């Protein structure tokens, strides 16, 4: 390969080949770049896209940003089926293979420790949404926000027992295409893959018991929330 390298993730060597039809950013086919006992998953991007002017234009282009994020996530999802990747944030570009190898060299021990911690584990996301209040009942019910807070606290305590780590995110305001109801809880859980079925069953049980609260489960994902990655080129 020649040209700048877009880097998706770092992982341990694995024996299963990537899907032949897998495509990354700009439609390029991802490749594996090995350095010692680690592999960077990379693809080539056009030199013209990496100059300062082009990068500024891309960062202002919402369609380009969305397409890049989808392609990045698609490669990470494919990696998750064959190994435990350490995903880097979208938009990491290095000048050439040598620059990628130097990045790995500088952080080899750190990457190794993180991969050891994430091995055999996946991320599950849980969000709670407060559904619109029904017509008032003769007997005043507990206010929706207070009920949701108590439910979220109880659910989080339960799920945390089955997770090795968790991250609480700030609930996001609804976007223009969002479904009704404010987001009142947003968390990510690091769960051993072998225990994922039990974790999902717990969330399903909570969903059945929720009143006026919608429970959303996403995953399993690569452990985005648990990498601590802030790599910059």
C-alpha atoms as a PDB file:
ATOM      1  CA  UNK A   1       0.000   0.000   0.000  1.00  0.00           C
ATOM      2  CA  UNK A   2       1.088   3.555  -0.618  1.00  0.00           C
ATOM      3  CA  UNK A   3      -0.368   6.778   0.716  1.00  0.00           C
ATOM      4  CA  UNK A   4      -1.557   7.977   4.127  1.00  0.00           C
ATOM      5  CA  UNK A   5      -2.930   5.357   6.515  1.00  0.00           C
ATOM      6  CA  UNK A   6      -6.277   5.611   8.242  1.00  0.00           C
ATOM      7  CA  UNK A   7      -6.110   3.543  11.472  1.00  0.00           C
ATOM      8  CA  UNK A   8      -9.221   1.840  12.840  1.00  0.00           C
ATOM      9  CA  UNK A   9      -7.948  -0.264  15.715  1.00  0.00           C
ATOM     10  CA  UNK A  10      -5.071  -2.097  17.335  1.00  0.00           C
ATOM     11  CA  UNK A  11      -5.391  -5.794  18.204  1.00  0.00           C
ATOM     12  CA  UNK A  12      -3.491  -9.020  18.767  1.00  0.00           C
ATOM     13  CA  UNK A  13      -2.669 -11.223  15.749  1.00  0.00           C
ATOM     14  CA  UNK A  14      -5.601 -13.431  14.774  1.00  0.00           C
ATOM     15  CA  UNK A  15      -5.980 -16.320  12.351  1.00  0.00           C
ATOM     16  CA  UNK A  16      -9.346 -15.604  10.740  1.00  0.00           C
ATOM     17  CA  UNK A  17      -9.080 -13.411   7.620  1.00  0.00           C
ATOM     18  CA  UNK A  18     -11.172 -10.274   7.315  1.00  0.00           C
ATOM     19  CA  UNK A  19     -14.165 -10.486   5.020  1.00  0.00           C
ATOM     20  CA  UNK A  20     -13.065  -9.979   1.424  1.00  0.00           C
ATOM     21  CA  UNK A  21     -15.968  -7.610   0.781  1.00  0.00           C
ATOM     22  CA  UNK A  22     -15.272  -5.464   3.878  1.00  0.00           C
ATOM     23  CA  UNK A  23     -14.751  -1.813   3.008  1.00  0.00           C
ATOM     24  CA  UNK A  24     -13.640   1.050   5.196  1.00  0.00           C
ATOM     25  CA  UNK A  25     -13.389   4.810   4.843  1.00  0.00           C
ATOM     26  CA  UNK A  26     -13.751   5.946   1.244  1.00  0.00           C
ATOM     27  CA  UNK A  27     -14.519   2.390   0.134  1.00  0.00           C
ATOM     28  CA  UNK A  28     -10.945   1.214   0.744  1.00  0.00           C
ATOM     29  CA  UNK A  29     -10.266  -2.368   1.806  1.00  0.00           C
ATOM     30  CA  UNK A  30      -8.771  -2.636   5.318  1.00  0.00           C
ATOM     31  CA  UNK A  31      -5.413  -4.356   5.749  1.00  0.00           C
ATOM     32  CA  UNK A  32      -3.353  -5.611   8.681  1.00  0.00           C
ATOM     33  CA  UNK A  33      -0.061  -3.934   9.563  1.00  0.00           C
ATOM     34  CA  UNK A  34       1.958  -5.944  12.075  1.00  0.00           C
ATOM     35  CA  UNK A  35       4.486  -4.541  14.538  1.00  0.00           C
ATOM     36  CA  UNK A  36       5.952  -7.002  17.033  1.00  0.00           C
ATOM     37  CA  UNK A  37       3.000  -8.696  18.779  1.00  0.00           C
ATOM     38  CA  UNK A  38       0.398  -6.127  17.767  1.00  0.00           C
ATOM     39  CA  UNK A  39      -1.537  -5.401  14.592  1.00  0.00           C
ATOM     40  CA  UNK A  40      -2.882  -2.084  13.355  1.00  0.00           C
ATOM     41  CA  UNK A  41      -5.933  -2.340  11.106  1.00  0.00           C
ATOM     42  CA  UNK A  42      -5.488   0.311   8.429  1.00  0.00           C
ATOM     43  CA  UNK A  43      -6.601   1.421   4.989  1.00  0.00           C
ATOM     44  CA  UNK A  44      -5.198   3.902   2.490  1.00  0.00           C
ATOM     45  CA  UNK A  45      -6.759   7.331   2.063  1.00  0.00           C
ATOM     46  CA  UNK A  46      -6.024   9.786  -0.754  1.00  0.00           C
ATOM     47  CA  UNK A  47      -3.208  12.261  -0.141  1.00  0.00           C
ATOM     48  CA  UNK A  48      -5.528  15.057  -1.309  1.00  0.00           C
ATOM     49  CA  UNK A  49      -7.878  14.333   1.600  1.00  0.00           C
ATOM     50  CA  UNK A  50      -5.135  14.841   4.178  1.00  0.00           C
ATOM     51  CA  UNK A  51      -4.003  18.390   3.514  1.00  0.00           C
ATOM     52  CA  UNK A  52      -5.070  21.056   6.002  1.00  0.00           C
ATOM     53  CA  UNK A  53      -7.576  22.670   3.655  1.00  0.00           C
ATOM     54  CA  UNK A  54      -9.238  19.355   2.793  1.00  0.00           C
ATOM     55  CA  UNK A  55      -9.447  18.333   6.452  1.00  0.00           C
ATOM     56  CA  UNK A  56     -11.134  21.617   7.370  1.00  0.00           C
ATOM     57  CA  UNK A  57     -13.665  21.077   4.590  1.00  0.00           C
ATOM     58  CA  UNK A  58     -14.355  17.512   5.715  1.00  0.00           C
ATOM     59  CA  UNK A  59     -14.871  18.551   9.341  1.00  0.00           C
ATOM     60  CA  UNK A  60     -17.534  21.016   8.189  1.00  0.00           C
ATOM     61  CA  UNK A  61     -19.282  18.407   6.024  1.00  0.00           C
ATOM     62  CA  UNK A  62     -21.842  16.530   8.128  1.00  0.00           C
ATOM     63  CA  UNK A  63     -22.489  13.962   5.393  1.00  0.00           C
ATOM     64  CA  UNK A  64     -18.761  13.148   5.158  1.00  0.00           C
ATOM     65  CA  UNK A  65     -18.458  12.887   8.934  1.00  0.00           C
ATOM     66  CA  UNK A  66     -21.461  10.551   9.130  1.00  0.00           C
ATOM     67  CA  UNK A  67     -20.184   8.347   6.286  1.00  0.00           C
ATOM     68  CA  UNK A  68     -16.720   8.156   7.861  1.00  0.00           C
ATOM     69  CA  UNK A  69     -18.163   7.225  11.257  1.00  0.00           C
ATOM     70  CA  UNK A  70     -20.313   4.480   9.667  1.00  0.00           C
ATOM     71  CA  UNK A  71     -17.372   3.035   7.750  1.00  0.00           C
ATOM     72  CA  UNK A  72     -15.152   3.176  10.839  1.00  0.00           C
ATOM     73  CA  UNK A  73     -17.764   1.409  12.950  1.00  0.00           C
ATOM     74  CA  UNK A  74     -18.339  -1.193  10.233  1.00  0.00           C
ATOM     75  CA  UNK A  75     -14.681  -2.210  10.318  1.00  0.00           C
ATOM     76  CA  UNK A  76     -14.677  -2.358  14.125  1.00  0.00           C
ATOM     77  CA  UNK A  77     -17.838  -4.490  14.100  1.00  0.00           C
ATOM     78  CA  UNK A  78     -16.220  -6.904  11.638  1.00  0.00           C
ATOM     79  CA  UNK A  79     -13.118  -7.134  13.834  1.00  0.00           C
ATOM     80  CA  UNK A  80     -15.233  -7.870  16.890  1.00  0.00           C
ATOM     81  CA  UNK A  81     -16.465 -11.086  15.269  1.00  0.00           C
ATOM     82  CA  UNK A  82     -12.916 -12.466  14.951  1.00  0.00           C
ATOM     83  CA  UNK A  83     -10.893 -10.860  17.764  1.00  0.00           C
ATOM     84  CA  UNK A  84     -10.926  -8.306  20.587  1.00  0.00           C
ATOM     85  CA  UNK A  85     -10.058  -4.945  19.003  1.00  0.00           C
ATOM     86  CA  UNK A  86      -8.936  -1.810  20.751  1.00  0.00           C
ATOM     87  CA  UNK A  87     -10.841   0.735  18.632  1.00  0.00           C
ATOM     88  CA  UNK A  88      -9.267   4.121  18.014  1.00  0.00           C
ATOM     89  CA  UNK A  89     -11.458   7.162  17.651  1.00  0.00           C
ATOM     90  CA  UNK A  90     -12.559   8.022  14.084  1.00  0.00           C
ATOM     91  CA  UNK A  91     -10.305  10.235  11.996  1.00  0.00           C
ATOM     92  CA  UNK A  92      -6.834   8.944  12.976  1.00  0.00           C
ATOM     93  CA  UNK A  93      -4.535   9.281   9.934  1.00  0.00           C
ATOM     94  CA  UNK A  94      -0.768   8.739   9.735  1.00  0.00           C
ATOM     95  CA  UNK A  95       1.572   9.602   6.907  1.00  0.00           C
ATOM     96  CA  UNK A  96       2.722   6.056   6.125  1.00  0.00           C
ATOM     97  CA  UNK A  97       3.347   2.559   7.538  1.00  0.00           C
ATOM     98  CA  UNK A  98       6.469   3.683   9.357  1.00  0.00           C
ATOM     99  CA  UNK A  99       4.501   6.382  11.230  1.00  0.00           C
ATOM    100  CA  UNK A 100       1.889   3.823  12.286  1.00  0.00           C
ATOM    101  CA  UNK A 101       4.603   1.473  13.537  1.00  0.00           C
ATOM    102  CA  UNK A 102       6.239   4.292  15.495  1.00  0.00           C
ATOM    103  CA  UNK A 103       2.894   5.064  17.141  1.00  0.00           C
ATOM    104  CA  UNK A 104       2.561   1.412  18.169  1.00  0.00           C
ATOM    105  CA  UNK A 105       6.184   1.290  19.331  1.00  0.00           C
ATOM    106  CA  UNK A 106       5.638   4.288  21.603  1.00  0.00           C
ATOM    107  CA  UNK A 107       2.524   2.795  23.201  1.00  0.00           C
ATOM    108  CA  UNK A 108       3.188  -0.930  22.895  1.00  0.00           C
ATOM    109  CA  UNK A 109       3.027  -1.687  26.633  1.00  0.00           C
ATOM    110  CA  UNK A 110      -0.068   0.446  27.114  1.00  0.00           C
ATOM    111  CA  UNK A 111      -1.876  -1.167  24.180  1.00  0.00           C
ATOM    112  CA  UNK A 112      -0.915  -4.612  25.446  1.00  0.00           C
ATOM    113  CA  UNK A 113      -2.277  -3.953  28.938  1.00  0.00           C
ATOM    114  CA  UNK A 114      -5.529  -2.573  27.564  1.00  0.00           C
ATOM    115  CA  UNK A 115      -6.011  -5.512  25.203  1.00  0.00           C
ATOM    116  CA  UNK A 116      -5.362  -7.935  28.059  1.00  0.00           C
ATOM    117  CA  UNK A 117      -8.050  -6.164  30.105  1.00  0.00           C
ATOM    118  CA  UNK A 118     -10.577  -6.195  27.240  1.00  0.00           C
ATOM    119  CA  UNK A 119      -9.918  -9.748  26.022  1.00  0.00           C
ATOM    120  CA  UNK A 120     -13.149 -11.755  25.839  1.00  0.00           C
ATOM    121  CA  UNK A 121     -15.281  -8.765  26.860  1.00  0.00           C
ATOM    122  CA  UNK A 122     -17.841  -6.662  25.027  1.00  0.00           C
ATOM    123  CA  UNK A 123     -19.683  -3.431  25.659  1.00  0.00           C
ATOM    124  CA  UNK A 124     -23.440  -3.200  26.173  1.00  0.00           C
ATOM    125  CA  UNK A 125     -25.273   0.121  26.218  1.00  0.00           C
ATOM    126  CA  UNK A 126     -28.392   0.767  28.300  1.00  0.00           C
ATOM    127  CA  UNK A 127     -30.535   3.892  27.973  1.00  0.00           C
ATOM    128  CA  UNK A 128     -33.748   4.847  29.716  1.00  0.00           C
ATOM    129  CA  UNK A 129     -36.348   7.183  28.248  1.00  0.00           C
ATOM    130  CA  UNK A 130     -39.238   8.731  30.126  1.00  0.00           C
ATOM    131  CA  UNK A 131     -42.418   8.021  28.200  1.00  0.00           C
ATOM    132  CA  UNK A 132     -45.160  10.673  27.940  1.00  0.00           C
ATOM    133  CA  UNK A 133     -47.364  10.836  31.024  1.00  0.00           C
ATOM    134  CA  UNK A 134     -50.888   9.406  30.631  1.00  0.00           C
ATOM    135  CA  UNK A 135     -53.988  11.313  31.680  1.00  0.00           C
ATOM    136  CA  UNK A 136     -53.963  12.105  35.431  1.00  0.00           C
ATOM    137  CA  UNK A 137     -55.372   9.345  37.623  1.00  0.00           C
ATOM    138  CA  UNK A 138     -57.727   9.918  40.557  1.00  0.00           C
ATOM    139  CA  UNK A 139     -54.920   8.919  42.904  1.00  0.00           C
ATOM    140  CA  UNK A 140     -51.805  11.075  42.222  1.00  0.00           C
ATOM    141  CA  UNK A 141     -48.940   8.826  41.121  1.00  0.00           C
ATOM    142  CA  UNK A 142     -45.274   9.361  41.807  1.00  0.00           C
ATOM    143  CA  UNK A 143     -43.937  11.994  39.364  1.00  0.00           C
ATOM    144  CA  UNK A 144     -42.368  10.491  36.248  1.00  0.00           C
ATOM    145  CA  UNK A 145     -38.846  11.924  36.716  1.00  0.00           C
ATOM    146  CA  UNK A 146     -38.648  10.709  40.331  1.00  0.00           C
ATOM    147  CA  UNK A 147     -39.906   7.267  39.322  1.00  0.00           C
ATOM    148  CA  UNK A 148     -37.368   7.101  36.492  1.00  0.00           C
ATOM    149  CA  UNK A 149     -34.511   8.138  38.805  1.00  0.00           C
ATOM    150  CA  UNK A 150     -35.371   5.413  41.308  1.00  0.00           C
ATOM    151  CA  UNK A 151     -35.731   2.831  38.533  1.00  0.00           C
ATOM    152  CA  UNK A 152     -32.414   3.849  36.941  1.00  0.00           C
ATOM    153  CA  UNK A 153     -30.588   3.624  40.265  1.00  0.00           C
ATOM    154  CA  UNK A 154     -31.980   0.156  40.974  1.00  0.00           C
ATOM    155  CA  UNK A 155     -31.261  -1.118  37.461  1.00  0.00           C
ATOM    156  CA  UNK A 156     -27.712   0.253  37.481  1.00  0.00           C
ATOM    157  CA  UNK A 157     -26.959  -1.429  40.809  1.00  0.00           C
ATOM    158  CA  UNK A 158     -28.240  -4.743  39.441  1.00  0.00           C
ATOM    159  CA  UNK A 159     -26.396  -4.588  36.106  1.00  0.00           C
ATOM    160  CA  UNK A 160     -23.156  -3.476  37.767  1.00  0.00           C
ATOM    161  CA  UNK A 161     -23.008  -6.806  39.599  1.00  0.00           C
ATOM    162  CA  UNK A 162     -22.754  -8.604  36.257  1.00  0.00           C
ATOM    163  CA  UNK A 163     -20.339  -6.136  34.653  1.00  0.00           C
ATOM    164  CA  UNK A 164     -16.615  -5.752  35.258  1.00  0.00           C
ATOM    165  CA  UNK A 165     -16.709  -2.008  34.639  1.00  0.00           C
ATOM    166  CA  UNK A 166     -19.212   0.666  33.702  1.00  0.00           C
ATOM    167  CA  UNK A 167     -19.335   4.221  32.390  1.00  0.00           C
ATOM    168  CA  UNK A 168     -22.169   6.651  33.127  1.00  0.00           C
ATOM    169  CA  UNK A 169     -22.708   9.097  30.278  1.00  0.00           C
ATOM    170  CA  UNK A 170     -24.577  12.383  30.377  1.00  0.00           C
ATOM    171  CA  UNK A 171     -28.107  11.830  29.020  1.00  0.00           C
ATOM    172  CA  UNK A 172     -28.477  13.432  25.616  1.00  0.00           C
ATOM    173  CA  UNK A 173     -31.235  15.891  24.635  1.00  0.00           C
ATOM    174  CA  UNK A 174     -33.575  14.572  21.926  1.00  0.00           C
ATOM    175  CA  UNK A 175     -32.611  15.274  18.333  1.00  0.00           C
ATOM    176  CA  UNK A 176     -35.006  16.297  15.562  1.00  0.00           C
ATOM    177  CA  UNK A 177     -35.710  12.655  14.646  1.00  0.00           C
ATOM    178  CA  UNK A 178     -35.790  11.347  18.204  1.00  0.00           C
ATOM    179  CA  UNK A 179     -38.644   9.268  19.520  1.00  0.00           C
ATOM    180  CA  UNK A 180     -40.884  10.887  22.168  1.00  0.00           C
ATOM    181  CA  UNK A 181     -39.602  11.026  25.703  1.00  0.00           C
ATOM    182  CA  UNK A 182     -36.417  12.510  27.227  1.00  0.00           C
ATOM    183  CA  UNK A 183     -33.323  10.394  27.782  1.00  0.00           C
ATOM    184  CA  UNK A 184     -32.890  10.122  31.577  1.00  0.00           C
ATOM    185  CA  UNK A 185     -30.129   7.488  31.863  1.00  0.00           C
ATOM    186  CA  UNK A 186     -27.241   6.456  29.620  1.00  0.00           C
ATOM    187  CA  UNK A 187     -24.630   3.880  30.635  1.00  0.00           C
ATOM    188  CA  UNK A 188     -22.124   1.479  29.103  1.00  0.00           C
ATOM    189  CA  UNK A 189     -21.198  -1.828  30.719  1.00  0.00           C
ATOM    190  CA  UNK A 190     -18.114  -3.983  30.138  1.00  0.00           C
ATOM    191  CA  UNK A 191     -19.350  -7.580  30.262  1.00  0.00           C
ATOM    192  CA  UNK A 192     -17.521 -10.894  29.705  1.00  0.00           C
ATOM    193  CA  UNK A 193     -18.803 -12.303  26.435  1.00  0.00           C
ATOM    194  CA  UNK A 194     -19.626 -15.567  28.228  1.00  0.00           C
ATOM    195  CA  UNK A 195     -22.010 -13.686  30.580  1.00  0.00           C
ATOM    196  CA  UNK A 196     -23.722 -11.585  27.919  1.00  0.00           C
ATOM    197  CA  UNK A 197     -26.793 -13.794  27.722  1.00  0.00           C
ATOM    198  CA  UNK A 198     -27.444 -13.359  31.447  1.00  0.00           C
ATOM    199  CA  UNK A 199     -26.912  -9.605  31.139  1.00  0.00           C
ATOM    200  CA  UNK A 200     -29.433  -9.339  28.295  1.00  0.00           C
ATOM    201  CA  UNK A 201     -31.961 -11.389  30.277  1.00  0.00           C
ATOM    202  CA  UNK A 202     -31.647  -8.967  33.193  1.00  0.00           C
ATOM    203  CA  UNK A 203     -32.349  -6.008  30.932  1.00  0.00           C
ATOM    204  CA  UNK A 204     -35.294  -7.796  29.326  1.00  0.00           C
ATOM    205  CA  UNK A 205     -36.742  -8.513  32.784  1.00  0.00           C
ATOM    206  CA  UNK A 206     -36.313  -4.870  33.772  1.00  0.00           C
ATOM    207  CA  UNK A 207     -38.028  -3.803  30.549  1.00  0.00           C
ATOM    208  CA  UNK A 208     -41.080  -5.865  31.467  1.00  0.00           C
ATOM    209  CA  UNK A 209     -41.203  -4.333  34.950  1.00  0.00           C
ATOM    210  CA  UNK A 210     -40.741  -0.717  33.812  1.00  0.00           C
ATOM    211  CA  UNK A 211     -43.770   1.581  34.074  1.00  0.00           C
ATOM    212  CA  UNK A 212     -43.734   4.746  32.006  1.00  0.00           C
ATOM    213  CA  UNK A 213     -40.056   4.132  31.159  1.00  0.00           C
ATOM    214  CA  UNK A 214     -38.648   2.762  27.908  1.00  0.00           C
ATOM    215  CA  UNK A 215     -35.532   0.616  28.259  1.00  0.00           C
ATOM    216  CA  UNK A 216     -33.173   0.518  25.271  1.00  0.00           C
ATOM    217  CA  UNK A 217     -30.358  -2.049  25.008  1.00  0.00           C
ATOM    218  CA  UNK A 218     -27.638  -1.863  22.348  1.00  0.00           C
ATOM    219  CA  UNK A 219     -24.705  -4.154  21.659  1.00  0.00           C
ATOM    220  CA  UNK A 220     -22.661  -6.166  21.892  1.00  0.00           C
ATOM    221  CA  UNK A 221     -20.038  -3.684  20.728  1.00  0.00           C
ATOM    222  CA  UNK A 222     -16.298  -3.433  20.867  1.00  0.00           C
ATOM    223  CA  UNK A 223     -15.419  -1.809  24.189  1.00  0.00           C
ATOM    224  CA  UNK A 224     -15.352   1.794  22.910  1.00  0.00           C
ATOM    225  CA  UNK A 225     -16.095   3.307  26.304  1.00  0.00           C
ATOM    226  CA  UNK A 226     -13.324   1.410  28.091  1.00  0.00           C
ATOM    227  CA  UNK A 227     -10.248   1.985  25.942  1.00  0.00           C
ATOM    228  CA  UNK A 228      -9.261   5.401  27.238  1.00  0.00           C
ATOM    229  CA  UNK A 229      -8.089   6.162  23.722  1.00  0.00           C
ATOM    230  CA  UNK A 230      -7.076   9.719  22.861  1.00  0.00           C
ATOM    231  CA  UNK A 231      -4.585   8.931  20.091  1.00  0.00           C
ATOM    232  CA  UNK A 232      -3.723  11.833  17.789  1.00  0.00           C
ATOM    233  CA  UNK A 233      -1.478  11.795  14.753  1.00  0.00           C
END
